[in-house]
Amino acid sequence: MKKKRRFKKWLCLMAAAISVFPLCPASTFVDVCQRHLRRYPCLEISDLYKLCYQAAMGNAHIGSRRAAILAGLNAELSQVEADADQPLSEEISPSGQVVRINLRPFKAKGLNSETLAEAVWLSARDFQPSVETLRVYWREVEAAGRAKAIPFTHETLAAYFAEREKEGFPAVHHSDAYMSLYHPAYRVIMKKYVARLR
């Protein structure tokens, strides 16, 4: 009996501790979306889907030829203006293991395009795309819409995803509004390759 009482007392103490020091919730895809909505408040549903797609499917759609990846990167770097105020890296997956490398701060830091092209190629090679993960992330987004945690309705989100599903879940472009307001210029890589950039 004494052992049972001691165990019960221990359970009560643990419950009290947890109520005072609650466990931190795991990051969700909605957390990612909300961070991006704060930074890019005019983000539209297609931009949200692109974020979801890149987090779940990676960057394989960019191709597998190193020379082409480097040539495309150098062409874009020649067009963008350097901007040291923009963050170099933005996490786009709940785990933080998939990131966007923004080209303007990359250029401002004088980093080598060959190292980024290699990181893009390695990420495309190593990342395991998952349509099921895409569905899971989007279900979170729809639930957030229903709860009014993001500025899109559940119905609109569900209809958009259903259309992309009919198309076989393609990669999409950013919306015209996003392009004109934020001028996105980045590459998607796995975070483990960020340290290789130099």
N, C-alpha and C. Protein backbone atom coordinates (compact mmCIF):
# COMPACT_ATOMS: atom_id res chain seq x y z
N MET A 1 0.82 -1.21 0.00
CA MET A 1 0.00 0.00 0.00
C MET A 1 0.86 1.26 0.00
N LYS A 2 1.95 1.19 0.82
CA LYS A 2 2.83 2.37 0.88
C LYS A 2 3.44 2.68 -0.48
N LYS A 3 3.82 1.60 -1.20
CA LYS A 3 4.40 1.80 -2.53
C LYS A 3 3.40 2.45 -3.46
N LYS A 4 2.13 1.99 -3.38
CA LYS A 4 1.09 2.56 -4.24
C LYS A 4 0.87 4.04 -3.92
N ARG A 5 0.87 4.36 -2.60
CA ARG A 5 0.66 5.77 -2.21
C ARG A 5 1.82 6.64 -2.71
N ARG A 6 3.06 6.08 -2.56
CA ARG A 6 4.22 6.85 -3.03
C ARG A 6 4.15 7.07 -4.54
N PHE A 7 3.75 6.03 -5.26
CA PHE A 7 3.64 6.14 -6.73
C PHE A 7 2.58 7.16 -7.11
N LYS A 8 1.43 7.14 -6.41
CA LYS A 8 0.35 8.09 -6.68
C LYS A 8 0.80 9.52 -6.41
N LYS A 9 1.55 9.68 -5.29
CA LYS A 9 2.06 11.01 -4.95
C LYS A 9 3.03 11.50 -6.03
N TRP A 10 3.87 10.56 -6.52
CA TRP A 10 4.83 10.91 -7.58
C TRP A 10 4.09 11.35 -8.85
N LEU A 11 3.01 10.64 -9.19
CA LEU A 11 2.21 11.00 -10.36
C LEU A 11 1.61 12.39 -10.22
N CYS A 12 1.11 12.69 -9.02
CA CYS A 12 0.52 14.02 -8.77
C CYS A 12 1.56 15.12 -8.91
N LEU A 13 2.76 14.85 -8.37
CA LEU A 13 3.84 15.83 -8.48
C LEU A 13 4.23 16.06 -9.94
N MET A 14 4.28 14.97 -10.71
CA MET A 14 4.61 15.09 -12.13
C MET A 14 3.56 15.88 -12.88
N ALA A 15 2.29 15.62 -12.58
CA ALA A 15 1.19 16.34 -13.23
C ALA A 15 1.27 17.82 -12.91
N ALA A 16 1.57 18.13 -11.63
CA ALA A 16 1.70 19.53 -11.23
C ALA A 16 2.86 20.21 -11.96
N ALA A 17 3.97 19.49 -12.09
CA ALA A 17 5.14 20.05 -12.78
C ALA A 17 4.82 20.33 -14.23
N ILE A 18 4.11 19.40 -14.87
CA ILE A 18 3.77 19.58 -16.28
C ILE A 18 2.83 20.75 -16.46
N SER A 19 1.92 20.96 -15.51
CA SER A 19 0.98 22.09 -15.64
C SER A 19 1.70 23.42 -15.49
N VAL A 20 2.78 23.44 -14.67
CA VAL A 20 3.54 24.68 -14.50
C VAL A 20 4.54 24.86 -15.64
N PHE A 21 5.16 23.75 -16.07
CA PHE A 21 6.15 23.79 -17.15
C PHE A 21 5.65 22.91 -18.30
N PRO A 22 4.68 23.40 -19.08
CA PRO A 22 4.10 22.57 -20.14
C PRO A 22 5.16 22.20 -21.18
N LEU A 23 4.98 20.99 -21.73
CA LEU A 23 5.90 20.55 -22.78
C LEU A 23 5.71 21.40 -24.02
N CYS A 24 6.78 21.76 -24.69
CA CYS A 24 6.68 22.56 -25.91
C CYS A 24 6.08 21.71 -27.02
N PRO A 25 5.05 22.20 -27.71
CA PRO A 25 4.48 21.42 -28.80
C PRO A 25 5.46 21.30 -29.96
N ALA A 26 5.38 20.18 -30.65
CA ALA A 26 6.22 20.01 -31.83
C ALA A 26 5.80 21.01 -32.89
N SER A 27 6.75 21.48 -33.67
CA SER A 27 6.45 22.40 -34.75
C SER A 27 5.56 21.70 -35.78
N THR A 28 4.60 22.42 -36.32
CA THR A 28 3.71 21.87 -37.34
C THR A 28 3.88 22.65 -38.63
N PHE A 29 3.29 22.12 -39.70
CA PHE A 29 3.38 22.85 -40.96
C PHE A 29 2.62 24.17 -40.87
N VAL A 30 1.58 24.22 -40.06
CA VAL A 30 0.85 25.48 -39.89
C VAL A 30 1.75 26.54 -39.25
N ASP A 31 2.62 26.11 -38.33
CA ASP A 31 3.59 27.06 -37.75
C ASP A 31 4.46 27.67 -38.85
N VAL A 32 4.89 26.82 -39.78
CA VAL A 32 5.69 27.28 -40.92
C VAL A 32 4.89 28.29 -41.73
N CYS A 33 3.63 27.95 -42.03
CA CYS A 33 2.77 28.84 -42.82
C CYS A 33 2.59 30.19 -42.14
N GLN A 34 2.36 30.15 -40.84
CA GLN A 34 2.14 31.40 -40.11
C GLN A 34 3.38 32.28 -40.09
N ARG A 35 4.55 31.66 -39.99
CA ARG A 35 5.80 32.45 -40.06
C ARG A 35 5.92 33.12 -41.42
N HIS A 36 5.59 32.38 -42.47
CA HIS A 36 5.69 32.94 -43.82
C HIS A 36 4.62 33.99 -44.06
N LEU A 37 3.44 33.82 -43.48
CA LEU A 37 2.38 34.83 -43.61
C LEU A 37 2.76 36.13 -42.91
N ARG A 38 3.50 36.03 -41.81
CA ARG A 38 3.94 37.25 -41.13
C ARG A 38 4.97 37.99 -41.99
N ARG A 39 5.83 37.24 -42.65
CA ARG A 39 6.86 37.87 -43.48
C ARG A 39 6.32 38.29 -44.85
N TYR A 40 5.37 37.50 -45.37
CA TYR A 40 4.80 37.76 -46.69
C TYR A 40 3.27 37.80 -46.58
N PRO A 41 2.72 38.86 -46.01
CA PRO A 41 1.28 38.89 -45.70
C PRO A 41 0.36 38.84 -46.91
N CYS A 42 0.86 39.13 -48.10
CA CYS A 42 0.03 39.06 -49.30
C CYS A 42 0.15 37.71 -50.02
N LEU A 43 0.72 36.75 -49.35
CA LEU A 43 0.83 35.39 -49.87
C LEU A 43 -0.56 34.86 -50.25
N GLU A 44 -0.67 34.21 -51.39
CA GLU A 44 -1.95 33.66 -51.86
C GLU A 44 -1.94 32.13 -51.77
N ILE A 45 -3.07 31.52 -52.08
CA ILE A 45 -3.19 30.07 -51.92
C ILE A 45 -2.15 29.32 -52.76
N SER A 46 -1.87 29.78 -53.96
CA SER A 46 -0.87 29.10 -54.80
C SER A 46 0.51 29.17 -54.15
N ASP A 47 0.80 30.28 -53.45
CA ASP A 47 2.09 30.41 -52.76
C ASP A 47 2.14 29.47 -51.55
N LEU A 48 1.00 29.32 -50.90
CA LEU A 48 0.90 28.40 -49.77
C LEU A 48 1.10 26.95 -50.25
N TYR A 49 0.48 26.63 -51.36
CA TYR A 49 0.66 25.29 -51.93
C TYR A 49 2.11 25.06 -52.34
N LYS A 50 2.73 26.08 -52.92
CA LYS A 50 4.15 25.95 -53.33
C LYS A 50 5.02 25.67 -52.11
N LEU A 51 4.75 26.36 -51.01
CA LEU A 51 5.48 26.14 -49.77
C LEU A 51 5.30 24.70 -49.29
N CYS A 52 4.05 24.25 -49.31
CA CYS A 52 3.71 22.88 -48.91
C CYS A 52 4.38 21.87 -49.83
N TYR A 53 4.32 22.12 -51.12
CA TYR A 53 4.91 21.22 -52.11
C TYR A 53 6.41 21.09 -51.90
N GLN A 54 7.10 22.21 -51.71
CA GLN A 54 8.55 22.18 -51.54
C GLN A 54 8.94 21.47 -50.25
N ALA A 55 8.15 21.66 -49.19
CA ALA A 55 8.44 21.00 -47.91
C ALA A 55 8.28 19.49 -48.00
N ALA A 56 7.30 19.05 -48.79
CA ALA A 56 6.99 17.61 -48.88
C ALA A 56 7.69 16.91 -50.04
N MET A 57 7.90 17.64 -51.12
CA MET A 57 8.42 17.02 -52.35
C MET A 57 9.85 17.42 -52.68
N GLY A 58 10.38 18.41 -51.95
CA GLY A 58 11.76 18.83 -52.19
C GLY A 58 11.91 19.60 -53.49
N ASN A 59 13.10 19.47 -54.09
CA ASN A 59 13.43 20.29 -55.26
C ASN A 59 13.71 19.45 -56.50
N ALA A 60 13.25 18.20 -56.50
CA ALA A 60 13.58 17.29 -57.62
C ALA A 60 13.10 17.83 -58.97
N HIS A 61 12.05 18.67 -58.94
CA HIS A 61 11.50 19.20 -60.20
C HIS A 61 12.50 20.13 -60.91
N ILE A 62 13.56 20.54 -60.20
CA ILE A 62 14.51 21.46 -60.81
C ILE A 62 15.42 20.75 -61.82
N GLY A 63 15.45 19.42 -61.75
CA GLY A 63 16.28 18.66 -62.69
C GLY A 63 17.47 18.02 -62.00
N SER A 64 18.19 17.17 -62.73
CA SER A 64 19.29 16.42 -62.12
C SER A 64 20.64 16.67 -62.79
N ARG A 65 20.68 17.60 -63.74
CA ARG A 65 21.94 17.88 -64.42
C ARG A 65 22.67 19.03 -63.73
N ARG A 66 23.83 18.74 -63.18
CA ARG A 66 24.58 19.75 -62.42
C ARG A 66 24.87 20.99 -63.25
N ALA A 67 25.28 20.79 -64.50
CA ALA A 67 25.64 21.93 -65.34
C ALA A 67 24.44 22.85 -65.56
N ALA A 68 23.27 22.26 -65.77
CA ALA A 68 22.07 23.05 -66.00
C ALA A 68 21.66 23.78 -64.72
N ILE A 69 21.81 23.12 -63.57
CA ILE A 69 21.48 23.74 -62.29
C ILE A 69 22.37 24.96 -62.06
N LEU A 70 23.67 24.80 -62.32
CA LEU A 70 24.62 25.91 -62.13
C LEU A 70 24.36 27.03 -63.12
N ALA A 71 24.10 26.69 -64.37
CA ALA A 71 23.85 27.71 -65.38
C ALA A 71 22.61 28.53 -65.04
N GLY A 72 21.53 27.87 -64.61
CA GLY A 72 20.31 28.57 -64.23
C GLY A 72 20.52 29.46 -63.03
N LEU A 73 21.29 28.96 -62.07
CA LEU A 73 21.59 29.74 -60.87
C LEU A 73 22.41 30.97 -61.21
N ASN A 74 23.45 30.82 -62.00
CA ASN A 74 24.29 31.96 -62.37
C ASN A 74 23.50 33.01 -63.15
N ALA A 75 22.60 32.54 -64.03
CA ALA A 75 21.78 33.47 -64.80
C ALA A 75 20.89 34.30 -63.87
N GLU A 76 20.29 33.63 -62.87
CA GLU A 76 19.42 34.37 -61.95
C GLU A 76 20.22 35.29 -61.04
N LEU A 77 21.37 34.83 -60.57
CA LEU A 77 22.21 35.68 -59.72
C LEU A 77 22.66 36.94 -60.44
N SER A 78 22.85 36.85 -61.74
CA SER A 78 23.28 38.03 -62.50
C SER A 78 22.17 39.07 -62.59
N GLN A 79 20.92 38.64 -62.36
CA GLN A 79 19.78 39.55 -62.49
C GLN A 79 19.34 40.16 -61.16
N VAL A 80 19.62 39.49 -60.03
CA VAL A 80 19.11 39.99 -58.74
C VAL A 80 20.09 40.97 -58.12
N GLU A 81 19.54 41.87 -57.32
CA GLU A 81 20.36 42.82 -56.58
C GLU A 81 20.75 42.21 -55.24
N ALA A 82 21.96 42.44 -54.81
CA ALA A 82 22.42 41.97 -53.51
C ALA A 82 21.63 42.68 -52.41
N ASP A 83 21.29 41.95 -51.35
CA ASP A 83 20.53 42.52 -50.23
C ASP A 83 20.92 41.79 -48.96
N ALA A 84 21.76 42.43 -48.15
CA ALA A 84 22.25 41.80 -46.93
C ALA A 84 21.21 41.78 -45.82
N ASP A 85 20.10 42.53 -45.98
CA ASP A 85 19.08 42.60 -44.93
C ASP A 85 18.13 41.41 -44.97
N GLN A 86 18.03 40.74 -46.08
CA GLN A 86 17.14 39.59 -46.20
C GLN A 86 17.81 38.37 -45.56
N PRO A 87 17.05 37.50 -44.89
CA PRO A 87 17.68 36.30 -44.31
C PRO A 87 18.22 35.38 -45.40
N LEU A 88 19.37 34.81 -45.16
CA LEU A 88 19.96 33.90 -46.13
C LEU A 88 19.12 32.62 -46.26
N SER A 89 18.65 32.13 -45.11
CA SER A 89 17.95 30.84 -45.08
C SER A 89 16.60 30.99 -44.41
N GLU A 90 15.58 30.33 -44.98
CA GLU A 90 14.24 30.29 -44.37
C GLU A 90 13.76 28.84 -44.32
N GLU A 91 13.44 28.37 -43.13
CA GLU A 91 12.96 27.00 -42.98
C GLU A 91 11.55 26.88 -43.55
N ILE A 92 11.32 25.80 -44.31
CA ILE A 92 10.00 25.62 -44.91
C ILE A 92 9.35 24.28 -44.55
N SER A 93 10.01 23.49 -43.71
CA SER A 93 9.40 22.23 -43.26
C SER A 93 9.33 22.26 -41.74
N PRO A 94 8.35 21.55 -41.15
CA PRO A 94 8.23 21.54 -39.69
C PRO A 94 9.49 21.08 -38.97
N SER A 95 10.22 20.15 -39.56
CA SER A 95 11.46 19.65 -38.95
C SER A 95 12.61 20.64 -39.09
N GLY A 96 12.45 21.61 -40.00
CA GLY A 96 13.53 22.56 -40.27
C GLY A 96 14.58 22.02 -41.20
N GLN A 97 14.36 20.82 -41.74
CA GLN A 97 15.39 20.18 -42.56
C GLN A 97 15.34 20.56 -44.04
N VAL A 98 14.29 21.29 -44.45
CA VAL A 98 14.21 21.81 -45.81
C VAL A 98 14.16 23.32 -45.72
N VAL A 99 15.01 24.00 -46.49
CA VAL A 99 15.11 25.45 -46.40
C VAL A 99 15.14 26.08 -47.79
N ARG A 100 14.77 27.35 -47.82
CA ARG A 100 14.98 28.16 -49.01
C ARG A 100 16.23 29.02 -48.77
N ILE A 101 17.14 29.02 -49.72
CA ILE A 101 18.31 29.90 -49.66
C ILE A 101 18.01 31.09 -50.56
N ASN A 102 17.87 32.26 -49.96
CA ASN A 102 17.56 33.47 -50.72
C ASN A 102 18.80 33.98 -51.45
N LEU A 103 18.62 34.27 -52.72
CA LEU A 103 19.77 34.62 -53.56
C LEU A 103 20.32 36.02 -53.32
N ARG A 104 19.47 36.94 -52.88
CA ARG A 104 19.98 38.32 -52.67
C ARG A 104 21.00 38.37 -51.53
N PRO A 105 20.72 37.82 -50.35
CA PRO A 105 21.77 37.80 -49.32
C PRO A 105 22.93 36.87 -49.68
N PHE A 106 22.64 35.82 -50.43
CA PHE A 106 23.71 34.93 -50.91
C PHE A 106 24.70 35.74 -51.74
N LYS A 107 24.17 36.58 -52.61
CA LYS A 107 25.02 37.43 -53.46
C LYS A 107 25.73 38.49 -52.62
N ALA A 108 25.01 39.06 -51.65
CA ALA A 108 25.61 40.11 -50.80
C ALA A 108 26.78 39.57 -49.99
N LYS A 109 26.70 38.30 -49.60
CA LYS A 109 27.77 37.70 -48.81
C LYS A 109 28.94 37.23 -49.68
N GLY A 110 28.78 37.34 -50.99
CA GLY A 110 29.85 36.93 -51.89
C GLY A 110 30.08 35.43 -51.90
N LEU A 111 29.02 34.65 -51.69
CA LEU A 111 29.17 33.21 -51.65
C LEU A 111 29.30 32.63 -53.07
N ASN A 112 29.86 31.45 -53.14
CA ASN A 112 30.19 30.82 -54.41
C ASN A 112 28.98 30.06 -54.97
N SER A 113 28.57 30.39 -56.19
CA SER A 113 27.40 29.76 -56.79
C SER A 113 27.60 28.26 -56.99
N GLU A 114 28.84 27.83 -57.19
CA GLU A 114 29.09 26.40 -57.40
C GLU A 114 28.74 25.59 -56.16
N THR A 115 28.98 26.17 -54.97
CA THR A 115 28.65 25.44 -53.74
C THR A 115 27.14 25.33 -53.57
N LEU A 116 26.39 26.37 -53.97
CA LEU A 116 24.93 26.29 -53.87
C LEU A 116 24.37 25.33 -54.92
N ALA A 117 24.91 25.38 -56.13
CA ALA A 117 24.47 24.45 -57.18
C ALA A 117 24.69 23.01 -56.74
N GLU A 118 25.83 22.75 -56.09
CA GLU A 118 26.10 21.40 -55.60
C GLU A 118 25.09 21.01 -54.51
N ALA A 119 24.78 21.96 -53.61
CA ALA A 119 23.80 21.69 -52.55
C ALA A 119 22.42 21.40 -53.14
N VAL A 120 22.04 22.13 -54.18
CA VAL A 120 20.77 21.89 -54.87
C VAL A 120 20.76 20.48 -55.47
N TRP A 121 21.84 20.12 -56.14
CA TRP A 121 21.94 18.81 -56.78
C TRP A 121 21.91 17.68 -55.75
N LEU A 122 22.67 17.83 -54.67
CA LEU A 122 22.71 16.82 -53.63
C LEU A 122 21.34 16.66 -52.96
N SER A 123 20.67 17.78 -52.75
CA SER A 123 19.34 17.75 -52.12
C SER A 123 18.33 17.03 -53.02
N ALA A 124 18.39 17.31 -54.31
CA ALA A 124 17.49 16.64 -55.26
C ALA A 124 17.77 15.15 -55.28
N ARG A 125 19.03 14.79 -55.11
CA ARG A 125 19.41 13.37 -55.11
C ARG A 125 18.95 12.66 -53.84
N ASP A 126 19.10 13.34 -52.69
CA ASP A 126 18.89 12.69 -51.40
C ASP A 126 17.47 12.75 -50.86
N PHE A 127 16.74 13.81 -51.21
CA PHE A 127 15.42 14.00 -50.60
C PHE A 127 14.44 12.96 -51.12
N GLN A 128 13.59 12.47 -50.22
CA GLN A 128 12.58 11.48 -50.58
C GLN A 128 11.22 12.18 -50.69
N PRO A 129 10.77 12.50 -51.90
CA PRO A 129 9.48 13.16 -52.06
C PRO A 129 8.35 12.27 -51.53
N SER A 130 7.33 12.88 -50.95
CA SER A 130 6.24 12.10 -50.38
C SER A 130 4.90 12.80 -50.62
N VAL A 131 4.09 12.19 -51.48
CA VAL A 131 2.74 12.73 -51.71
C VAL A 131 1.92 12.61 -50.43
N GLU A 132 2.15 11.56 -49.65
CA GLU A 132 1.40 11.40 -48.40
C GLU A 132 1.73 12.54 -47.44
N THR A 133 3.01 12.93 -47.38
CA THR A 133 3.39 14.08 -46.53
C THR A 133 2.73 15.35 -47.05
N LEU A 134 2.67 15.51 -48.37
CA LEU A 134 1.98 16.65 -48.96
C LEU A 134 0.53 16.69 -48.50
N ARG A 135 -0.13 15.54 -48.52
CA ARG A 135 -1.52 15.46 -48.07
C ARG A 135 -1.65 15.80 -46.58
N VAL A 136 -0.74 15.27 -45.78
CA VAL A 136 -0.77 15.53 -44.33
C VAL A 136 -0.62 17.02 -44.05
N TYR A 137 0.37 17.65 -44.69
CA TYR A 137 0.59 19.08 -44.49
C TYR A 137 -0.64 19.87 -44.91
N TRP A 138 -1.22 19.49 -46.06
CA TRP A 138 -2.37 20.28 -46.54
C TRP A 138 -3.59 20.07 -45.66
N ARG A 139 -3.76 18.89 -45.09
CA ARG A 139 -4.86 18.68 -44.13
C ARG A 139 -4.70 19.61 -42.94
N GLU A 140 -3.46 19.81 -42.50
CA GLU A 140 -3.20 20.77 -41.42
C GLU A 140 -3.60 22.18 -41.85
N VAL A 141 -3.28 22.52 -43.09
CA VAL A 141 -3.62 23.84 -43.62
C VAL A 141 -5.14 24.02 -43.67
N GLU A 142 -5.85 23.00 -44.15
CA GLU A 142 -7.31 23.08 -44.21
C GLU A 142 -7.91 23.22 -42.81
N ALA A 143 -7.37 22.48 -41.85
CA ALA A 143 -7.85 22.58 -40.47
C ALA A 143 -7.61 23.98 -39.92
N ALA A 144 -6.46 24.56 -40.27
CA ALA A 144 -6.16 25.93 -39.83
C ALA A 144 -7.13 26.92 -40.47
N GLY A 145 -7.50 26.66 -41.72
CA GLY A 145 -8.49 27.52 -42.37
C GLY A 145 -9.83 27.42 -41.68
N ARG A 146 -10.23 26.21 -41.31
CA ARG A 146 -11.50 26.02 -40.61
C ARG A 146 -11.49 26.73 -39.26
N ALA A 147 -10.33 26.71 -38.60
CA ALA A 147 -10.19 27.35 -37.28
C ALA A 147 -9.91 28.85 -37.39
N LYS A 148 -9.84 29.36 -38.63
CA LYS A 148 -9.54 30.78 -38.88
C LYS A 148 -8.16 31.18 -38.33
N ALA A 149 -7.24 30.22 -38.36
CA ALA A 149 -5.87 30.50 -37.91
C ALA A 149 -5.02 31.04 -39.05
N ILE A 150 -5.53 30.94 -40.27
CA ILE A 150 -4.88 31.53 -41.44
C ILE A 150 -5.97 32.21 -42.28
N PRO A 151 -5.62 33.17 -43.13
CA PRO A 151 -6.64 33.97 -43.83
C PRO A 151 -7.20 33.34 -45.10
N PHE A 152 -7.48 32.04 -45.06
CA PHE A 152 -8.09 31.33 -46.19
C PHE A 152 -9.16 30.41 -45.64
N THR A 153 -10.26 30.27 -46.34
CA THR A 153 -11.33 29.40 -45.85
C THR A 153 -11.01 27.94 -46.13
N HIS A 154 -11.56 27.09 -45.31
CA HIS A 154 -11.39 25.65 -45.50
C HIS A 154 -11.89 25.23 -46.88
N GLU A 155 -13.02 25.77 -47.30
CA GLU A 155 -13.62 25.39 -48.57
C GLU A 155 -12.72 25.77 -49.75
N THR A 156 -12.17 26.97 -49.71
CA THR A 156 -11.29 27.42 -50.79
C THR A 156 -10.02 26.59 -50.84
N LEU A 157 -9.47 26.28 -49.68
CA LEU A 157 -8.25 25.47 -49.61
C LEU A 157 -8.50 24.05 -50.14
N ALA A 158 -9.63 23.46 -49.73
CA ALA A 158 -9.96 22.10 -50.17
C ALA A 158 -10.17 22.06 -51.67
N ALA A 159 -10.84 23.07 -52.21
CA ALA A 159 -11.10 23.11 -53.66
C ALA A 159 -9.80 23.26 -54.44
N TYR A 160 -8.89 24.10 -53.95
CA TYR A 160 -7.61 24.30 -54.63
C TYR A 160 -6.81 23.00 -54.65
N PHE A 161 -6.76 22.32 -53.51
CA PHE A 161 -5.99 21.08 -53.42
C PHE A 161 -6.59 19.99 -54.31
N ALA A 162 -7.91 19.95 -54.38
CA ALA A 162 -8.58 18.96 -55.24
C ALA A 162 -8.20 19.16 -56.70
N GLU A 163 -8.07 20.42 -57.11
CA GLU A 163 -7.66 20.71 -58.50
C GLU A 163 -6.23 20.27 -58.76
N ARG A 164 -5.35 20.52 -57.79
CA ARG A 164 -3.95 20.09 -57.96
C ARG A 164 -3.85 18.56 -57.96
N GLU A 165 -4.71 17.92 -57.18
CA GLU A 165 -4.71 16.45 -57.15
C GLU A 165 -5.11 15.89 -58.52
N LYS A 166 -6.12 16.51 -59.14
CA LYS A 166 -6.54 16.08 -60.49
C LYS A 166 -5.41 16.21 -61.49
N GLU A 167 -4.54 17.19 -61.29
CA GLU A 167 -3.42 17.44 -62.20
C GLU A 167 -2.20 16.58 -61.87
N GLY A 168 -2.31 15.76 -60.81
CA GLY A 168 -1.17 14.93 -60.42
C GLY A 168 -0.17 15.64 -59.54
N PHE A 169 -0.62 16.64 -58.79
CA PHE A 169 0.22 17.41 -57.87
C PHE A 169 1.45 18.00 -58.55
N PRO A 170 1.25 18.94 -59.46
CA PRO A 170 2.40 19.56 -60.13
C PRO A 170 3.07 20.60 -59.25
N ALA A 171 4.31 20.94 -59.59
CA ALA A 171 4.93 22.13 -59.02
C ALA A 171 4.23 23.33 -59.65
N VAL A 172 4.06 24.41 -58.89
CA VAL A 172 3.37 25.60 -59.42
C VAL A 172 4.26 26.82 -59.26
N HIS A 173 3.89 27.88 -59.99
CA HIS A 173 4.61 29.15 -59.86
C HIS A 173 4.03 29.97 -58.72
N HIS A 174 4.79 30.94 -58.25
CA HIS A 174 4.25 31.89 -57.29
C HIS A 174 3.16 32.72 -57.97
N SER A 175 2.25 33.24 -57.15
CA SER A 175 1.19 34.10 -57.68
C SER A 175 1.78 35.39 -58.22
N ASP A 176 1.02 36.05 -59.10
CA ASP A 176 1.47 37.34 -59.66
C ASP A 176 1.68 38.36 -58.54
N ALA A 177 0.78 38.36 -57.55
CA ALA A 177 0.90 39.31 -56.44
C ALA A 177 2.19 39.07 -55.66
N TYR A 178 2.49 37.82 -55.37
CA TYR A 178 3.70 37.46 -54.63
C TYR A 178 4.94 37.88 -55.42
N MET A 179 4.91 37.60 -56.72
CA MET A 179 6.05 37.95 -57.58
C MET A 179 6.29 39.46 -57.60
N SER A 180 5.22 40.22 -57.75
CA SER A 180 5.38 41.68 -57.88
C SER A 180 5.75 42.35 -56.56
N LEU A 181 5.27 41.79 -55.45
CA LEU A 181 5.53 42.41 -54.15
C LEU A 181 6.86 41.97 -53.53
N TYR A 182 7.18 40.68 -53.68
CA TYR A 182 8.32 40.13 -52.95
C TYR A 182 9.50 39.70 -53.83
N HIS A 183 9.29 39.64 -55.14
CA HIS A 183 10.37 39.31 -56.07
C HIS A 183 11.18 38.10 -55.59
N PRO A 184 10.54 36.96 -55.40
CA PRO A 184 11.25 35.80 -54.84
C PRO A 184 12.39 35.33 -55.73
N ALA A 185 13.51 35.04 -55.10
CA ALA A 185 14.68 34.50 -55.79
C ALA A 185 15.39 33.61 -54.78
N TYR A 186 15.26 32.30 -54.94
CA TYR A 186 15.81 31.38 -53.95
C TYR A 186 16.02 30.01 -54.58
N ARG A 187 16.70 29.15 -53.83
CA ARG A 187 16.83 27.75 -54.17
C ARG A 187 16.46 26.93 -52.94
N VAL A 188 15.80 25.80 -53.16
CA VAL A 188 15.40 24.90 -52.08
C VAL A 188 16.48 23.83 -51.91
N ILE A 189 16.97 23.70 -50.67
CA ILE A 189 17.97 22.66 -50.38
C ILE A 189 17.66 22.05 -49.02
N MET A 190 18.33 20.94 -48.72
CA MET A 190 18.25 20.35 -47.39
C MET A 190 19.19 21.11 -46.46
N LYS A 191 18.73 21.34 -45.24
CA LYS A 191 19.48 22.17 -44.31
C LYS A 191 20.89 21.64 -44.04
N LYS A 192 21.04 20.32 -44.10
CA LYS A 192 22.36 19.73 -43.81
C LYS A 192 23.43 20.19 -44.78
N TYR A 193 23.02 20.75 -45.93
CA TYR A 193 24.00 21.22 -46.91
C TYR A 193 24.29 22.72 -46.81
N VAL A 194 23.62 23.42 -45.90
CA VAL A 194 23.86 24.86 -45.76
C VAL A 194 25.31 25.14 -45.37
N ALA A 195 25.87 24.27 -44.53
CA ALA A 195 27.26 24.47 -44.06
C ALA A 195 28.26 24.39 -45.20
N ARG A 196 27.88 23.81 -46.33
CA ARG A 196 28.80 23.70 -47.48
C ARG A 196 28.89 25.01 -48.27
N LEU A 197 27.93 25.91 -48.05
CA LEU A 197 27.93 27.16 -48.82
C LEU A 197 29.11 28.02 -48.37
N ARG A 198 29.85 28.55 -49.34
CA ARG A 198 31.01 29.37 -48.96
C ARG A 198 31.33 30.35 -50.09
